[in-house]
Amino acid sequence: MVSIMRRFEMTTAVLMRQKDEELMNLNIKIKELLESLKASKEETKMWKRIAKENELIASVFSNAPEEERDPCFSSTGALPDEKIAPPVSASHGECWNQSVPGKSEQNSN
């Protein structure tokens, strides 16, 4: 009877050590996964920030051509060249007609 109890205790001790090792390995794996999750969340925040910055830059660039068409004068302050007539739109036609000498007389005929 004692030998059966000793064998049972030895088997139990071996199984307990194995389970302890498994728990230790699982705890290590959990820590690694939590660190990976944290890094992933930080990376997500970073990419969201980059996306917002890129959207802002894109909106600035998409609005830039409209802003460049608005002024009646060139960047040097000179009048636009009559030979190179820009497309006339409802919002810019009056500006071009007023800024180019003789242009308003041509359109009124």
C-alpha atoms as a PDB file:
ATOM      1  CA  MET A   1       0.000   0.000   0.000  1.00  0.00           C
ATOM      2  CA  VAL A   2       2.839   2.413   0.813  1.00  0.00           C
ATOM      3  CA  SER A   3       4.516   1.750  -2.534  1.00  0.00           C
ATOM      4  CA  ILE A   4       1.282   2.597  -4.350  1.00  0.00           C
ATOM      5  CA  MET A   5       1.037   5.850  -2.397  1.00  0.00           C
ATOM      6  CA  ARG A   6       4.687   6.739  -3.187  1.00  0.00           C
ATOM      7  CA  ARG A   7       4.181   6.011  -6.875  1.00  0.00           C
ATOM      8  CA  PHE A   8       1.002   8.126  -6.804  1.00  0.00           C
ATOM      9  CA  GLU A   9       2.861  10.984  -5.083  1.00  0.00           C
ATOM     10  CA  MET A  10       5.747  10.811  -7.564  1.00  0.00           C
ATOM     11  CA  THR A  11       3.375  10.788 -10.511  1.00  0.00           C
ATOM     12  CA  THR A  12       1.443  13.678  -9.031  1.00  0.00           C
ATOM     13  CA  ALA A  13       4.650  15.643  -8.400  1.00  0.00           C
ATOM     14  CA  VAL A  14       5.789  15.112 -12.013  1.00  0.00           C
ATOM     15  CA  LEU A  15       2.389  16.186 -13.350  1.00  0.00           C
ATOM     16  CA  MET A  16       2.363  19.224 -11.066  1.00  0.00           C
ATOM     17  CA  ARG A  17       5.824  20.282 -12.305  1.00  0.00           C
ATOM     18  CA  GLN A  18       4.658  19.896 -15.917  1.00  0.00           C
ATOM     19  CA  LYS A  19       1.559  21.983 -15.227  1.00  0.00           C
ATOM     20  CA  ASP A  20       3.653  24.624 -13.453  1.00  0.00           C
ATOM     21  CA  GLU A  21       5.954  24.815 -16.490  1.00  0.00           C
ATOM     22  CA  GLU A  22       2.935  25.078 -18.795  1.00  0.00           C
ATOM     23  CA  LEU A  23       1.520  27.890 -16.655  1.00  0.00           C
ATOM     24  CA  MET A  24       4.852  29.672 -16.653  1.00  0.00           C
ATOM     25  CA  ASN A  25       5.120  29.361 -20.451  1.00  0.00           C
ATOM     26  CA  LEU A  26       1.523  30.561 -20.849  1.00  0.00           C
ATOM     27  CA  ASN A  27       2.195  33.575 -18.621  1.00  0.00           C
ATOM     28  CA  ILE A  28       5.225  34.438 -20.759  1.00  0.00           C
ATOM     29  CA  LYS A  29       3.092  34.089 -23.892  1.00  0.00           C
ATOM     30  CA  ILE A  30       0.371  36.305 -22.375  1.00  0.00           C
ATOM     31  CA  LYS A  31       2.954  39.002 -21.597  1.00  0.00           C
ATOM     32  CA  GLU A  32       4.285  38.812 -25.164  1.00  0.00           C
ATOM     33  CA  LEU A  33       0.764  39.063 -26.587  1.00  0.00           C
ATOM     34  CA  LEU A  34      -0.077  42.032 -24.371  1.00  0.00           C
ATOM     35  CA  GLU A  35       3.111  43.799 -25.459  1.00  0.00           C
ATOM     36  CA  SER A  36       2.262  43.038 -29.083  1.00  0.00           C
ATOM     37  CA  LEU A  37      -1.266  44.362 -28.585  1.00  0.00           C
ATOM     38  CA  LYS A  38       0.070  47.539 -26.990  1.00  0.00           C
ATOM     39  CA  ALA A  39       2.529  48.045 -29.849  1.00  0.00           C
ATOM     40  CA  SER A  40      -0.254  47.413 -32.342  1.00  0.00           C
ATOM     41  CA  LYS A  41      -2.479  50.022 -30.682  1.00  0.00           C
ATOM     42  CA  GLU A  42       0.356  52.549 -30.757  1.00  0.00           C
ATOM     43  CA  GLU A  43       0.990  51.774 -34.421  1.00  0.00           C
ATOM     44  CA  THR A  44      -2.714  52.237 -35.159  1.00  0.00           C
ATOM     45  CA  LYS A  45      -2.639  55.645 -33.457  1.00  0.00           C
ATOM     46  CA  MET A  46       0.445  56.586 -35.439  1.00  0.00           C
ATOM     47  CA  TRP A  47      -1.136  55.563 -38.776  1.00  0.00           C
ATOM     48  CA  LYS A  48      -4.347  57.438 -37.926  1.00  0.00           C
ATOM     49  CA  ARG A  49      -2.288  60.536 -37.166  1.00  0.00           C
ATOM     50  CA  ILE A  50      -0.366  60.150 -40.426  1.00  0.00           C
ATOM     51  CA  ALA A  51      -3.636  59.665 -42.329  1.00  0.00           C
ATOM     52  CA  LYS A  52      -5.084  62.851 -40.814  1.00  0.00           C
ATOM     53  CA  GLU A  53      -1.927  64.773 -41.682  1.00  0.00           C
ATOM     54  CA  ASN A  54      -2.030  63.425 -45.241  1.00  0.00           C
ATOM     55  CA  GLU A  55      -5.714  64.326 -45.578  1.00  0.00           C
ATOM     56  CA  LEU A  56      -4.921  67.847 -44.410  1.00  0.00           C
ATOM     57  CA  ILE A  57      -2.061  68.147 -46.882  1.00  0.00           C
ATOM     58  CA  ALA A  58      -4.264  66.762 -49.672  1.00  0.00           C
ATOM     59  CA  SER A  59      -7.009  69.249 -48.882  1.00  0.00           C
ATOM     60  CA  VAL A  60      -4.484  72.091 -48.930  1.00  0.00           C
ATOM     61  CA  PHE A  61      -3.192  70.930 -52.308  1.00  0.00           C
ATOM     62  CA  SER A  62      -6.668  70.373 -53.714  1.00  0.00           C
ATOM     63  CA  ASN A  63      -7.646  73.912 -52.705  1.00  0.00           C
ATOM     64  CA  ALA A  64      -4.403  75.452 -53.966  1.00  0.00           C
ATOM     65  CA  PRO A  65      -5.341  75.493 -57.687  1.00  0.00           C
ATOM     66  CA  GLU A  66      -8.579  77.329 -56.872  1.00  0.00           C
ATOM     67  CA  GLU A  67      -6.688  79.912 -54.865  1.00  0.00           C
ATOM     68  CA  GLU A  68      -4.162  80.374 -57.676  1.00  0.00           C
ATOM     69  CA  ARG A  69      -6.960  81.119 -60.163  1.00  0.00           C
ATOM     70  CA  ASP A  70      -8.644  83.702 -57.938  1.00  0.00           C
ATOM     71  CA  PRO A  71      -6.208  86.641 -58.208  1.00  0.00           C
ATOM     72  CA  CYS A  72      -6.553  88.958 -61.196  1.00  0.00           C
ATOM     73  CA  PHE A  73      -2.821  89.625 -61.268  1.00  0.00           C
ATOM     74  CA  SER A  74       0.077  87.240 -61.678  1.00  0.00           C
ATOM     75  CA  SER A  75       2.473  86.529 -58.850  1.00  0.00           C
ATOM     76  CA  THR A  76       4.745  89.300 -60.176  1.00  0.00           C
ATOM     77  CA  GLY A  77       1.945  91.870 -59.968  1.00  0.00           C
ATOM     78  CA  ALA A  78       1.713  92.308 -63.734  1.00  0.00           C
ATOM     79  CA  LEU A  79      -1.476  92.117 -65.758  1.00  0.00           C
ATOM     80  CA  PRO A  80      -2.215  88.775 -67.435  1.00  0.00           C
ATOM     81  CA  ASP A  81      -0.992  88.425 -70.989  1.00  0.00           C
ATOM     82  CA  GLU A  82      -3.776  89.007 -73.552  1.00  0.00           C
ATOM     83  CA  LYS A  83      -2.357  86.348 -75.871  1.00  0.00           C
ATOM     84  CA  ILE A  84      -2.833  83.619 -73.291  1.00  0.00           C
ATOM     85  CA  ALA A  85      -6.479  83.881 -72.372  1.00  0.00           C
ATOM     86  CA  PRO A  86      -7.480  81.762 -69.394  1.00  0.00           C
ATOM     87  CA  PRO A  87     -10.742  79.843 -69.403  1.00  0.00           C
ATOM     88  CA  VAL A  88     -13.538  82.218 -68.456  1.00  0.00           C
ATOM     89  CA  SER A  89     -15.770  80.978 -65.678  1.00  0.00           C
ATOM     90  CA  ALA A  90     -18.659  82.729 -63.984  1.00  0.00           C
ATOM     91  CA  SER A  91     -16.563  83.533 -60.942  1.00  0.00           C
ATOM     92  CA  HIS A  92     -13.441  84.662 -62.817  1.00  0.00           C
ATOM     93  CA  GLY A  93     -14.780  86.108 -66.064  1.00  0.00           C
ATOM     94  CA  GLU A  94     -15.469  89.540 -64.663  1.00  0.00           C
ATOM     95  CA  CYS A  95     -12.040  89.704 -63.117  1.00  0.00           C
ATOM     96  CA  TRP A  96     -10.316  88.882 -66.411  1.00  0.00           C
ATOM     97  CA  ASN A  97     -12.505  91.235 -68.403  1.00  0.00           C
ATOM     98  CA  GLN A  98     -11.665  94.109 -66.088  1.00  0.00           C
ATOM     99  CA  SER A  99      -7.957  93.371 -65.821  1.00  0.00           C
ATOM    100  CA  VAL A 100      -7.175  92.890 -69.522  1.00  0.00           C
ATOM    101  CA  PRO A 101      -7.359  96.161 -71.480  1.00  0.00           C
ATOM    102  CA  GLY A 102      -9.759  95.912 -74.411  1.00  0.00           C
ATOM    103  CA  LYS A 103     -11.120  92.560 -73.246  1.00  0.00           C
ATOM    104  CA  SER A 104     -14.429  93.939 -71.935  1.00  0.00           C
ATOM    105  CA  GLU A 105     -15.115  95.713 -75.242  1.00  0.00           C
ATOM    106  CA  GLN A 106     -14.573  92.439 -77.152  1.00  0.00           C
ATOM    107  CA  ASN A 107     -17.037  90.505 -74.966  1.00  0.00           C
ATOM    108  CA  SER A 108     -19.733  93.206 -75.097  1.00  0.00           C
ATOM    109  CA  ASN A 109     -20.000  93.031 -78.936  1.00  0.00           C
END
